[in-house]
């Protein structure tokens, strides 16, 4: 069983006792690594948020695991950040990634017509702060490509009358890169980086229904 399959098995088991109608975070590693429940506990919040991110997922994999990661929980709010791994793969054009993203949003809306969906802007990267092993990936997944993809995600959100949100301002240095002190290897975000965006994402989590 692969690491992804083991995570999905754990999520399926956890979903059996989860409360429906709460908030779900879904996506790939940048969502999975968000220590949201630790930060909620530290802040004294009683919000329930289920993190169903799966490291390494491309958009097609989330589409294939839609029940486990989203639908089985019947959330009232969904925060989604999927597609960054597609952007790292030169064989996947942005248009194809967005087409899959569109399928995901459409299916969620069809199954959960009252849901509020927040499509998150992709986080910036920092090639200059990257480890040698990460630099090859970041020559493909550049901040310029991320900016183009974010424009497409914003347009997708508008077509569905859902929310596109960009909570990246506290993560960026003066050149628009991911701050070096907030990154593990040029792409993934460390706990301090997630702390820097926690209040901003919670402002959307706590929006009146």
N, C-alpha and C. Protein backbone atom coordinates (compact mmCIF):
# COMPACT_ATOMS: atom_id res chain seq x y z
N UNK A 1 0.85 -1.20 0.00
CA UNK A 1 0.00 0.00 0.00
C UNK A 1 0.89 1.25 0.00
N UNK A 2 0.59 2.17 -0.89
CA UNK A 2 1.40 3.40 -0.96
C UNK A 2 1.05 4.33 0.19
N UNK A 3 1.90 5.34 0.37
CA UNK A 3 1.65 6.34 1.40
C UNK A 3 0.31 7.05 1.18
N UNK A 4 0.01 7.36 -0.07
CA UNK A 4 -1.27 8.01 -0.39
C UNK A 4 -2.45 7.11 -0.02
N UNK A 5 -2.32 5.82 -0.37
CA UNK A 5 -3.40 4.87 -0.07
C UNK A 5 -3.59 4.71 1.44
N UNK A 6 -2.49 4.73 2.18
CA UNK A 6 -2.60 4.61 3.64
C UNK A 6 -3.30 5.83 4.24
N UNK A 7 -2.98 7.01 3.71
CA UNK A 7 -3.65 8.22 4.20
C UNK A 7 -5.14 8.17 3.90
N UNK A 8 -5.48 7.77 2.69
CA UNK A 8 -6.90 7.69 2.33
C UNK A 8 -7.63 6.67 3.20
N UNK A 9 -6.97 5.55 3.52
CA UNK A 9 -7.58 4.55 4.41
C UNK A 9 -7.82 5.14 5.79
N UNK A 10 -6.86 5.91 6.29
CA UNK A 10 -7.03 6.56 7.60
C UNK A 10 -8.16 7.57 7.56
N UNK A 11 -8.24 8.33 6.47
CA UNK A 11 -9.30 9.32 6.34
C UNK A 11 -10.67 8.65 6.28
N UNK A 12 -10.77 7.55 5.53
CA UNK A 12 -12.06 6.84 5.44
C UNK A 12 -12.52 6.38 6.81
N UNK A 13 -11.59 5.90 7.61
CA UNK A 13 -11.92 5.45 8.96
C UNK A 13 -12.32 6.63 9.83
N UNK A 14 -11.57 7.72 9.76
CA UNK A 14 -11.88 8.91 10.57
C UNK A 14 -13.22 9.53 10.16
N UNK A 15 -13.56 9.45 8.88
CA UNK A 15 -14.82 10.03 8.40
C UNK A 15 -16.04 9.38 9.04
N UNK A 16 -15.90 8.13 9.47
CA UNK A 16 -17.04 7.41 10.03
C UNK A 16 -17.55 8.05 11.31
N UNK A 17 -16.67 8.72 12.05
CA UNK A 17 -17.08 9.34 13.32
C UNK A 17 -17.01 10.87 13.26
N UNK A 18 -16.75 11.42 12.09
CA UNK A 18 -16.67 12.88 11.95
C UNK A 18 -18.06 13.49 11.94
N UNK A 19 -18.13 14.76 12.34
CA UNK A 19 -19.39 15.50 12.31
C UNK A 19 -19.60 16.08 10.91
N UNK A 20 -20.77 15.89 10.37
CA UNK A 20 -21.08 16.50 9.07
C UNK A 20 -21.38 17.98 9.26
N UNK A 21 -21.26 18.72 8.16
CA UNK A 21 -21.62 20.14 8.18
C UNK A 21 -20.55 21.07 8.70
N UNK A 22 -19.33 20.56 8.86
CA UNK A 22 -18.23 21.40 9.36
C UNK A 22 -17.39 21.90 8.19
N UNK A 23 -16.18 22.35 8.48
CA UNK A 23 -15.26 22.88 7.47
C UNK A 23 -14.24 21.82 7.12
N UNK A 24 -13.93 21.71 5.81
CA UNK A 24 -12.93 20.75 5.34
C UNK A 24 -11.84 21.49 4.57
N UNK A 25 -10.60 21.12 4.82
CA UNK A 25 -9.45 21.54 4.03
C UNK A 25 -9.08 20.37 3.12
N UNK A 26 -8.98 20.60 1.82
CA UNK A 26 -8.62 19.52 0.89
C UNK A 26 -7.56 20.01 -0.08
N UNK A 27 -6.72 19.09 -0.51
CA UNK A 27 -5.68 19.45 -1.46
C UNK A 27 -4.51 18.51 -1.38
N UNK A 28 -3.32 19.05 -1.63
CA UNK A 28 -2.10 18.24 -1.64
C UNK A 28 -1.27 18.56 -0.40
N UNK A 29 0.05 18.41 -0.50
CA UNK A 29 0.88 18.51 0.71
C UNK A 29 0.82 19.88 1.37
N UNK A 30 0.69 20.95 0.60
CA UNK A 30 0.65 22.28 1.20
C UNK A 30 -0.59 22.47 2.05
N UNK A 31 -1.62 21.68 1.79
CA UNK A 31 -2.79 21.68 2.67
C UNK A 31 -2.62 20.66 3.79
N UNK A 32 -2.12 19.48 3.45
CA UNK A 32 -1.93 18.45 4.47
C UNK A 32 -1.01 18.95 5.59
N UNK A 33 0.01 19.71 5.23
CA UNK A 33 1.00 20.17 6.21
C UNK A 33 0.52 21.36 7.04
N UNK A 34 -0.62 21.93 6.68
CA UNK A 34 -1.17 23.06 7.46
C UNK A 34 -1.57 22.52 8.84
N UNK A 35 -0.89 22.95 9.91
CA UNK A 35 -1.19 22.40 11.24
C UNK A 35 -2.42 23.07 11.84
N UNK A 36 -3.53 22.98 11.12
CA UNK A 36 -4.69 23.80 11.47
C UNK A 36 -5.25 23.45 12.84
N UNK A 37 -5.28 22.17 13.18
CA UNK A 37 -5.88 21.83 14.47
C UNK A 37 -4.99 22.21 15.64
N UNK A 38 -3.69 22.15 15.46
CA UNK A 38 -2.76 22.65 16.48
C UNK A 38 -2.95 24.15 16.68
N UNK A 39 -3.07 24.90 15.59
CA UNK A 39 -3.22 26.35 15.69
C UNK A 39 -4.60 26.72 16.25
N UNK A 40 -5.62 25.95 15.90
CA UNK A 40 -6.95 26.20 16.49
C UNK A 40 -6.90 26.02 18.01
N UNK A 41 -6.26 24.94 18.44
CA UNK A 41 -6.18 24.67 19.87
C UNK A 41 -5.42 25.78 20.59
N UNK A 42 -4.32 26.21 20.02
CA UNK A 42 -3.52 27.28 20.63
C UNK A 42 -4.31 28.59 20.71
N UNK A 43 -5.17 28.83 19.71
CA UNK A 43 -5.92 30.10 19.68
C UNK A 43 -7.16 30.06 20.56
N UNK A 44 -7.49 28.87 21.07
CA UNK A 44 -8.68 28.74 21.91
C UNK A 44 -9.97 28.64 21.12
N UNK A 45 -9.86 28.43 19.81
CA UNK A 45 -11.06 28.32 18.97
C UNK A 45 -11.71 26.96 19.15
N UNK A 46 -13.04 26.95 19.08
CA UNK A 46 -13.76 25.67 19.15
C UNK A 46 -14.24 25.23 17.77
N UNK A 47 -13.71 25.86 16.71
CA UNK A 47 -14.07 25.47 15.35
C UNK A 47 -13.60 24.05 15.07
N UNK A 48 -14.39 23.32 14.30
CA UNK A 48 -14.00 21.99 13.85
C UNK A 48 -13.60 22.08 12.39
N UNK A 49 -12.35 21.71 12.11
CA UNK A 49 -11.85 21.70 10.73
C UNK A 49 -11.20 20.34 10.49
N UNK A 50 -11.64 19.68 9.44
CA UNK A 50 -11.05 18.40 9.06
C UNK A 50 -10.08 18.62 7.91
N UNK A 51 -8.83 18.25 8.13
CA UNK A 51 -7.81 18.39 7.09
C UNK A 51 -7.71 17.07 6.33
N UNK A 52 -8.05 17.12 5.05
CA UNK A 52 -8.00 15.93 4.22
C UNK A 52 -7.03 16.10 3.05
N UNK A 53 -5.98 16.88 3.28
CA UNK A 53 -4.93 17.01 2.28
C UNK A 53 -4.14 15.72 2.15
N UNK A 54 -3.64 15.47 0.95
CA UNK A 54 -2.81 14.28 0.69
C UNK A 54 -1.58 14.72 -0.08
N UNK A 55 -0.42 14.59 0.55
CA UNK A 55 0.83 14.98 -0.09
C UNK A 55 1.05 14.26 -1.41
N UNK A 56 1.46 15.02 -2.41
CA UNK A 56 1.75 14.43 -3.71
C UNK A 56 0.57 14.38 -4.67
N UNK A 57 -0.62 14.68 -4.19
CA UNK A 57 -1.80 14.61 -5.07
C UNK A 57 -1.71 15.62 -6.21
N UNK A 58 -2.00 15.16 -7.41
CA UNK A 58 -2.34 16.05 -8.51
C UNK A 58 -3.86 16.15 -8.55
N UNK A 59 -4.37 17.07 -9.34
CA UNK A 59 -5.82 17.32 -9.35
C UNK A 59 -6.61 16.06 -9.69
N UNK A 60 -6.11 15.26 -10.62
CA UNK A 60 -6.82 14.05 -11.03
C UNK A 60 -6.96 13.07 -9.86
N UNK A 61 -5.95 13.02 -8.99
CA UNK A 61 -6.03 12.12 -7.84
C UNK A 61 -7.07 12.59 -6.83
N UNK A 62 -7.19 13.89 -6.64
CA UNK A 62 -8.25 14.37 -5.75
C UNK A 62 -9.62 14.05 -6.36
N UNK A 63 -9.74 14.21 -7.67
CA UNK A 63 -10.99 13.86 -8.34
C UNK A 63 -11.37 12.41 -8.06
N UNK A 64 -10.37 11.54 -8.11
CA UNK A 64 -10.62 10.12 -7.89
C UNK A 64 -10.90 9.78 -6.43
N UNK A 65 -10.53 10.65 -5.51
CA UNK A 65 -10.72 10.41 -4.07
C UNK A 65 -11.71 11.41 -3.47
N UNK A 66 -12.62 11.90 -4.30
CA UNK A 66 -13.50 12.99 -3.88
C UNK A 66 -14.38 12.60 -2.69
N UNK A 67 -14.88 11.37 -2.68
CA UNK A 67 -15.73 10.94 -1.56
C UNK A 67 -14.97 11.00 -0.24
N UNK A 68 -13.79 10.39 -0.22
CA UNK A 68 -13.03 10.31 1.02
C UNK A 68 -12.56 11.68 1.50
N UNK A 69 -12.10 12.51 0.58
CA UNK A 69 -11.50 13.78 0.97
C UNK A 69 -12.51 14.90 1.20
N UNK A 70 -13.72 14.77 0.60
CA UNK A 70 -14.68 15.87 0.71
C UNK A 70 -16.11 15.38 0.96
N UNK A 71 -16.67 14.64 0.02
CA UNK A 71 -18.11 14.42 0.01
C UNK A 71 -18.63 13.65 1.21
N UNK A 72 -17.89 12.66 1.69
CA UNK A 72 -18.37 11.87 2.82
C UNK A 72 -18.56 12.71 4.09
N UNK A 73 -17.84 13.83 4.18
CA UNK A 73 -17.92 14.70 5.36
C UNK A 73 -19.07 15.70 5.25
N UNK A 74 -19.67 15.82 4.07
CA UNK A 74 -20.77 16.76 3.84
C UNK A 74 -20.48 18.14 4.45
N UNK A 75 -19.34 18.73 4.10
CA UNK A 75 -18.99 20.02 4.74
C UNK A 75 -19.91 21.15 4.31
N UNK A 76 -20.01 22.15 5.18
CA UNK A 76 -20.71 23.38 4.82
C UNK A 76 -19.76 24.36 4.15
N UNK A 77 -18.45 24.19 4.46
CA UNK A 77 -17.42 25.04 3.85
C UNK A 77 -16.25 24.16 3.43
N UNK A 78 -15.72 24.47 2.26
CA UNK A 78 -14.57 23.74 1.74
C UNK A 78 -13.50 24.74 1.34
N UNK A 79 -12.30 24.54 1.88
CA UNK A 79 -11.12 25.29 1.46
C UNK A 79 -10.27 24.34 0.65
N UNK A 80 -9.99 24.70 -0.59
CA UNK A 80 -9.33 23.77 -1.49
C UNK A 80 -8.09 24.41 -2.11
N UNK A 81 -7.01 23.65 -2.10
CA UNK A 81 -5.75 24.08 -2.70
C UNK A 81 -5.17 22.87 -3.43
N UNK A 82 -5.55 22.73 -4.67
CA UNK A 82 -5.12 21.57 -5.46
C UNK A 82 -4.60 22.06 -6.81
N UNK A 83 -3.55 21.41 -7.28
CA UNK A 83 -3.03 21.75 -8.60
C UNK A 83 -1.56 22.14 -8.61
N UNK A 84 -0.97 22.37 -7.43
CA UNK A 84 0.43 22.78 -7.44
C UNK A 84 1.33 21.67 -7.98
N UNK A 85 0.98 20.44 -7.71
CA UNK A 85 1.80 19.35 -8.26
C UNK A 85 1.61 19.20 -9.76
N UNK A 86 0.44 19.57 -10.26
CA UNK A 86 0.24 19.64 -11.71
C UNK A 86 1.20 20.68 -12.31
N UNK A 87 1.35 21.81 -11.60
CA UNK A 87 2.21 22.88 -12.10
C UNK A 87 3.67 22.47 -12.13
N UNK A 88 4.04 21.47 -11.33
CA UNK A 88 5.42 20.98 -11.32
C UNK A 88 5.69 19.99 -12.44
N UNK A 89 4.65 19.58 -13.14
CA UNK A 89 4.77 18.56 -14.18
C UNK A 89 4.62 19.21 -15.55
N UNK A 90 5.71 19.31 -16.31
CA UNK A 90 5.62 20.00 -17.61
C UNK A 90 4.69 19.32 -18.60
N UNK A 91 4.31 18.07 -18.33
CA UNK A 91 3.41 17.37 -19.26
C UNK A 91 1.94 17.70 -19.00
N UNK A 92 1.66 18.45 -17.91
CA UNK A 92 0.27 18.81 -17.59
C UNK A 92 0.08 20.30 -17.84
N UNK A 93 -0.58 20.69 -18.94
CA UNK A 93 -0.83 22.11 -19.17
C UNK A 93 -1.80 22.68 -18.13
N UNK A 94 -1.68 23.98 -17.89
CA UNK A 94 -2.57 24.63 -16.92
C UNK A 94 -4.03 24.40 -17.31
N UNK A 95 -4.33 24.44 -18.59
CA UNK A 95 -5.72 24.27 -19.04
C UNK A 95 -6.27 22.90 -18.64
N UNK A 96 -5.44 21.87 -18.71
CA UNK A 96 -5.90 20.53 -18.32
C UNK A 96 -6.12 20.46 -16.81
N UNK A 97 -5.22 21.07 -16.06
CA UNK A 97 -5.38 21.10 -14.61
C UNK A 97 -6.67 21.82 -14.22
N UNK A 98 -6.93 22.94 -14.86
CA UNK A 98 -8.14 23.72 -14.55
C UNK A 98 -9.40 22.94 -14.95
N UNK A 99 -9.33 22.18 -16.03
CA UNK A 99 -10.49 21.37 -16.44
C UNK A 99 -10.82 20.32 -15.38
N UNK A 100 -9.79 19.72 -14.80
CA UNK A 100 -10.02 18.75 -13.72
C UNK A 100 -10.54 19.45 -12.48
N UNK A 101 -9.97 20.60 -12.15
CA UNK A 101 -10.42 21.40 -11.01
C UNK A 101 -11.90 21.74 -11.17
N UNK A 102 -12.28 22.10 -12.40
CA UNK A 102 -13.68 22.43 -12.69
C UNK A 102 -14.58 21.22 -12.43
N UNK A 103 -14.13 20.03 -12.83
CA UNK A 103 -14.90 18.81 -12.56
C UNK A 103 -15.10 18.61 -11.06
N UNK A 104 -14.04 18.86 -10.30
CA UNK A 104 -14.10 18.69 -8.84
C UNK A 104 -15.14 19.64 -8.24
N UNK A 105 -15.04 20.92 -8.60
CA UNK A 105 -15.96 21.92 -8.03
C UNK A 105 -17.40 21.61 -8.45
N UNK A 106 -17.59 21.24 -9.71
CA UNK A 106 -18.93 20.91 -10.20
C UNK A 106 -19.53 19.75 -9.42
N UNK A 107 -18.76 18.70 -9.21
CA UNK A 107 -19.26 17.52 -8.48
C UNK A 107 -19.58 17.85 -7.04
N UNK A 108 -18.74 18.66 -6.42
CA UNK A 108 -19.01 19.05 -5.02
C UNK A 108 -20.31 19.85 -4.95
N UNK A 109 -20.50 20.78 -5.87
CA UNK A 109 -21.71 21.60 -5.87
C UNK A 109 -22.95 20.74 -6.14
N UNK A 110 -22.83 19.77 -7.02
CA UNK A 110 -23.98 18.91 -7.33
C UNK A 110 -24.38 18.07 -6.12
N UNK A 111 -23.39 17.60 -5.37
CA UNK A 111 -23.66 16.76 -4.21
C UNK A 111 -24.01 17.56 -2.96
N UNK A 112 -23.47 18.78 -2.88
CA UNK A 112 -23.66 19.62 -1.69
C UNK A 112 -24.06 21.02 -2.15
N UNK A 113 -25.31 21.19 -2.59
CA UNK A 113 -25.69 22.45 -3.24
C UNK A 113 -25.59 23.69 -2.36
N UNK A 114 -25.58 23.53 -1.04
CA UNK A 114 -25.51 24.69 -0.16
C UNK A 114 -24.09 25.01 0.30
N UNK A 115 -23.10 24.31 -0.21
CA UNK A 115 -21.73 24.48 0.27
C UNK A 115 -21.15 25.83 -0.18
N UNK A 116 -20.27 26.35 0.66
CA UNK A 116 -19.49 27.54 0.29
C UNK A 116 -18.06 27.06 0.05
N UNK A 117 -17.54 27.34 -1.14
CA UNK A 117 -16.21 26.85 -1.51
C UNK A 117 -15.25 28.03 -1.64
N UNK A 118 -14.08 27.86 -1.04
CA UNK A 118 -13.01 28.86 -1.10
C UNK A 118 -11.85 28.25 -1.89
N UNK A 119 -11.63 28.76 -3.08
CA UNK A 119 -10.53 28.29 -3.92
C UNK A 119 -9.31 29.15 -3.59
N UNK A 120 -8.29 28.53 -3.05
CA UNK A 120 -7.15 29.27 -2.52
C UNK A 120 -6.11 29.55 -3.59
N UNK A 121 -5.57 30.76 -3.57
CA UNK A 121 -4.43 31.09 -4.42
C UNK A 121 -3.26 30.18 -4.07
N UNK A 122 -2.53 29.78 -5.08
CA UNK A 122 -1.34 28.96 -4.84
C UNK A 122 -0.28 29.79 -4.14
N UNK A 123 0.43 29.16 -3.24
CA UNK A 123 1.48 29.84 -2.49
C UNK A 123 2.68 30.11 -3.39
N UNK A 124 3.43 31.18 -3.10
CA UNK A 124 4.65 31.45 -3.86
C UNK A 124 5.75 30.45 -3.50
N UNK A 125 6.80 30.44 -4.33
CA UNK A 125 7.98 29.61 -4.06
C UNK A 125 9.20 30.53 -4.01
N UNK A 126 10.34 29.95 -3.67
CA UNK A 126 11.58 30.75 -3.61
C UNK A 126 12.73 29.92 -4.15
N UNK A 127 13.05 30.15 -5.42
CA UNK A 127 14.12 29.37 -6.06
C UNK A 127 15.47 29.63 -5.39
N UNK A 128 15.71 30.89 -5.01
CA UNK A 128 17.00 31.26 -4.42
C UNK A 128 17.22 30.59 -3.07
N UNK A 129 16.13 30.30 -2.36
CA UNK A 129 16.24 29.65 -1.04
C UNK A 129 16.11 28.13 -1.14
N UNK A 130 15.99 27.61 -2.35
CA UNK A 130 15.72 26.19 -2.52
C UNK A 130 16.96 25.34 -2.30
N UNK A 131 16.74 24.14 -1.83
CA UNK A 131 17.80 23.16 -1.75
C UNK A 131 18.13 22.70 -3.18
N UNK A 132 19.32 22.13 -3.35
CA UNK A 132 19.74 21.70 -4.69
C UNK A 132 18.74 20.70 -5.28
N UNK A 133 18.22 19.81 -4.43
CA UNK A 133 17.30 18.78 -4.92
C UNK A 133 15.95 19.35 -5.36
N UNK A 134 15.61 20.56 -4.89
CA UNK A 134 14.33 21.18 -5.23
C UNK A 134 14.44 22.11 -6.43
N UNK A 135 15.64 22.53 -6.78
CA UNK A 135 15.78 23.57 -7.80
C UNK A 135 15.26 23.13 -9.17
N UNK A 136 15.45 21.88 -9.52
CA UNK A 136 14.95 21.41 -10.82
C UNK A 136 13.44 21.57 -10.91
N UNK A 137 12.73 21.20 -9.84
CA UNK A 137 11.27 21.36 -9.80
C UNK A 137 10.89 22.83 -9.94
N UNK A 138 11.62 23.71 -9.24
CA UNK A 138 11.24 25.13 -9.22
C UNK A 138 11.65 25.86 -10.49
N UNK A 139 12.40 25.19 -11.37
CA UNK A 139 12.61 25.77 -12.69
C UNK A 139 11.36 25.60 -13.55
N UNK A 140 10.50 24.67 -13.16
CA UNK A 140 9.22 24.44 -13.86
C UNK A 140 8.10 25.18 -13.13
N UNK A 141 8.05 25.01 -11.83
CA UNK A 141 6.99 25.62 -11.00
C UNK A 141 7.49 26.98 -10.51
N UNK A 142 7.48 27.94 -11.40
CA UNK A 142 7.99 29.28 -11.10
C UNK A 142 6.87 30.17 -10.55
N UNK A 143 7.28 31.27 -9.95
CA UNK A 143 6.26 32.22 -9.48
C UNK A 143 5.48 32.83 -10.64
N UNK A 144 6.12 32.95 -11.80
CA UNK A 144 5.41 33.46 -12.98
C UNK A 144 4.31 32.48 -13.40
N UNK A 145 4.62 31.19 -13.39
CA UNK A 145 3.62 30.18 -13.74
C UNK A 145 2.53 30.14 -12.69
N UNK A 146 2.90 30.28 -11.42
CA UNK A 146 1.91 30.30 -10.33
C UNK A 146 0.96 31.48 -10.50
N UNK A 147 1.48 32.64 -10.89
CA UNK A 147 0.64 33.82 -11.11
C UNK A 147 -0.38 33.56 -12.22
N UNK A 148 0.07 32.95 -13.31
CA UNK A 148 -0.84 32.61 -14.41
C UNK A 148 -1.92 31.63 -13.93
N UNK A 149 -1.49 30.63 -13.17
CA UNK A 149 -2.45 29.64 -12.68
C UNK A 149 -3.45 30.27 -11.72
N UNK A 150 -2.97 31.17 -10.87
CA UNK A 150 -3.88 31.83 -9.93
C UNK A 150 -4.97 32.62 -10.66
N UNK A 151 -4.61 33.26 -11.77
CA UNK A 151 -5.61 33.98 -12.55
C UNK A 151 -6.68 33.03 -13.08
N UNK A 152 -6.27 31.83 -13.48
CA UNK A 152 -7.22 30.83 -13.97
C UNK A 152 -8.10 30.31 -12.84
N UNK A 153 -7.53 30.13 -11.65
CA UNK A 153 -8.32 29.67 -10.50
C UNK A 153 -9.33 30.75 -10.10
N UNK A 154 -8.90 32.00 -10.14
CA UNK A 154 -9.83 33.10 -9.83
C UNK A 154 -10.99 33.12 -10.81
N UNK A 155 -10.70 32.90 -12.09
CA UNK A 155 -11.76 32.86 -13.11
C UNK A 155 -12.67 31.66 -12.90
N UNK A 156 -12.10 30.53 -12.51
CA UNK A 156 -12.90 29.34 -12.22
C UNK A 156 -13.86 29.61 -11.06
N UNK A 157 -13.35 30.23 -10.02
CA UNK A 157 -14.20 30.56 -8.87
C UNK A 157 -15.35 31.48 -9.30
N UNK A 158 -15.04 32.45 -10.11
CA UNK A 158 -16.07 33.39 -10.57
C UNK A 158 -17.14 32.68 -11.38
N UNK A 159 -16.73 31.74 -12.24
CA UNK A 159 -17.71 31.00 -13.06
C UNK A 159 -18.67 30.19 -12.18
N UNK A 160 -18.18 29.74 -11.05
CA UNK A 160 -19.01 28.94 -10.15
C UNK A 160 -19.68 29.78 -9.06
N UNK A 161 -19.46 31.08 -9.10
CA UNK A 161 -19.99 31.96 -8.05
C UNK A 161 -19.51 31.51 -6.66
N UNK A 162 -18.25 31.08 -6.61
CA UNK A 162 -17.61 30.72 -5.35
C UNK A 162 -16.51 31.73 -5.07
N UNK A 163 -15.78 31.52 -3.98
CA UNK A 163 -14.79 32.52 -3.54
C UNK A 163 -13.37 32.12 -3.91
N UNK A 164 -12.65 33.04 -4.53
CA UNK A 164 -11.21 32.91 -4.70
C UNK A 164 -10.56 33.74 -3.61
N UNK A 165 -9.67 33.13 -2.84
CA UNK A 165 -9.04 33.87 -1.74
C UNK A 165 -7.52 33.79 -1.86
N UNK A 166 -6.87 34.90 -1.59
CA UNK A 166 -5.41 34.98 -1.62
C UNK A 166 -4.95 35.44 -0.23
N UNK A 167 -4.36 34.52 0.51
CA UNK A 167 -3.90 34.83 1.88
C UNK A 167 -2.37 34.85 1.93
N UNK A 168 -1.75 35.18 0.79
CA UNK A 168 -0.31 35.03 0.67
C UNK A 168 0.51 36.24 1.10
N UNK A 169 -0.14 37.36 1.41
CA UNK A 169 0.65 38.59 1.59
C UNK A 169 1.71 38.46 2.68
N UNK A 170 1.40 37.77 3.78
CA UNK A 170 2.37 37.65 4.86
C UNK A 170 3.48 36.64 4.56
N UNK A 171 3.30 35.87 3.49
CA UNK A 171 4.32 34.88 3.12
C UNK A 171 5.37 35.45 2.17
N UNK A 172 5.08 36.58 1.54
CA UNK A 172 5.92 37.07 0.45
C UNK A 172 6.97 38.06 0.92
N UNK A 173 8.16 37.94 0.31
CA UNK A 173 9.18 38.96 0.54
C UNK A 173 8.95 40.11 -0.43
N UNK A 174 9.85 41.09 -0.41
CA UNK A 174 9.64 42.29 -1.23
C UNK A 174 9.71 41.99 -2.73
N UNK A 175 10.23 40.85 -3.11
CA UNK A 175 10.27 40.46 -4.52
C UNK A 175 9.15 39.49 -4.90
N UNK A 176 8.22 39.26 -3.97
CA UNK A 176 7.08 38.40 -4.25
C UNK A 176 7.37 36.92 -4.12
N UNK A 177 8.55 36.60 -3.60
CA UNK A 177 8.91 35.19 -3.38
C UNK A 177 8.43 34.74 -2.00
N UNK A 178 8.33 33.44 -1.80
CA UNK A 178 8.09 32.89 -0.47
C UNK A 178 9.27 33.28 0.42
N UNK A 179 8.98 33.89 1.56
CA UNK A 179 10.06 34.33 2.45
C UNK A 179 10.94 33.14 2.83
N UNK A 180 12.24 33.35 2.78
CA UNK A 180 13.17 32.24 3.02
C UNK A 180 13.01 31.67 4.42
N UNK A 181 12.62 32.51 5.38
CA UNK A 181 12.46 32.01 6.75
C UNK A 181 11.19 31.18 6.92
N UNK A 182 10.33 31.18 5.92
CA UNK A 182 9.07 30.43 6.01
C UNK A 182 9.07 29.15 5.17
N UNK A 183 10.19 28.84 4.55
CA UNK A 183 10.18 27.66 3.68
C UNK A 183 11.14 26.59 4.16
N UNK A 184 10.78 25.35 3.88
CA UNK A 184 11.60 24.20 4.25
C UNK A 184 12.70 23.98 3.23
N UNK A 185 12.33 24.04 1.93
CA UNK A 185 13.31 23.76 0.87
C UNK A 185 13.03 24.56 -0.39
N UNK A 186 12.34 25.70 -0.23
CA UNK A 186 12.04 26.55 -1.37
C UNK A 186 10.61 26.48 -1.83
N UNK A 187 9.89 25.41 -1.43
CA UNK A 187 8.51 25.23 -1.88
C UNK A 187 7.55 25.00 -0.72
N UNK A 188 7.83 24.02 0.13
CA UNK A 188 6.92 23.75 1.25
C UNK A 188 7.11 24.78 2.37
N UNK A 189 6.04 24.95 3.13
CA UNK A 189 5.99 26.00 4.15
C UNK A 189 6.20 25.37 5.52
N UNK A 190 6.99 26.06 6.36
CA UNK A 190 7.19 25.56 7.72
C UNK A 190 6.10 26.09 8.65
N UNK A 191 6.14 25.66 9.90
CA UNK A 191 5.06 26.02 10.83
C UNK A 191 4.96 27.53 11.03
N UNK A 192 6.09 28.22 11.06
CA UNK A 192 6.03 29.68 11.22
C UNK A 192 5.30 30.33 10.05
N UNK A 193 5.49 29.78 8.85
CA UNK A 193 4.77 30.31 7.69
C UNK A 193 3.27 30.12 7.81
N UNK A 194 2.87 28.95 8.28
CA UNK A 194 1.43 28.71 8.47
C UNK A 194 0.87 29.61 9.58
N UNK A 195 1.66 29.86 10.59
CA UNK A 195 1.22 30.78 11.64
C UNK A 195 0.98 32.18 11.06
N UNK A 196 1.80 32.55 10.08
CA UNK A 196 1.70 33.88 9.47
C UNK A 196 0.41 34.07 8.67
N UNK A 197 -0.20 32.97 8.23
CA UNK A 197 -1.44 33.08 7.45
C UNK A 197 -2.66 32.57 8.21
N UNK A 198 -2.46 32.11 9.43
CA UNK A 198 -3.57 31.53 10.19
C UNK A 198 -4.71 32.53 10.40
N UNK A 199 -4.40 33.73 10.84
CA UNK A 199 -5.47 34.71 11.09
C UNK A 199 -6.23 35.04 9.82
N UNK A 200 -5.51 35.10 8.70
CA UNK A 200 -6.18 35.44 7.44
C UNK A 200 -7.12 34.33 7.00
N UNK A 201 -6.69 33.09 7.12
CA UNK A 201 -7.61 32.02 6.69
C UNK A 201 -8.78 31.89 7.66
N UNK A 202 -8.53 32.16 8.94
CA UNK A 202 -9.62 32.07 9.91
C UNK A 202 -10.66 33.16 9.71
N UNK A 203 -10.26 34.28 9.13
CA UNK A 203 -11.25 35.33 8.84
C UNK A 203 -12.28 34.82 7.85
N UNK A 204 -11.88 33.90 6.96
CA UNK A 204 -12.84 33.30 6.03
C UNK A 204 -13.59 32.14 6.68
N UNK A 205 -12.88 31.33 7.48
CA UNK A 205 -13.55 30.24 8.19
C UNK A 205 -14.69 30.77 9.06
N UNK A 206 -14.46 31.94 9.66
CA UNK A 206 -15.43 32.51 10.62
C UNK A 206 -16.43 33.46 9.98
N UNK A 207 -16.41 33.58 8.67
CA UNK A 207 -17.40 34.45 8.00
C UNK A 207 -18.82 33.99 8.34
N UNK A 208 -19.74 34.93 8.55
CA UNK A 208 -21.13 34.53 8.78
C UNK A 208 -21.66 33.73 7.60
N UNK A 209 -22.50 32.76 7.90
CA UNK A 209 -23.07 31.90 6.84
C UNK A 209 -23.96 32.72 5.93
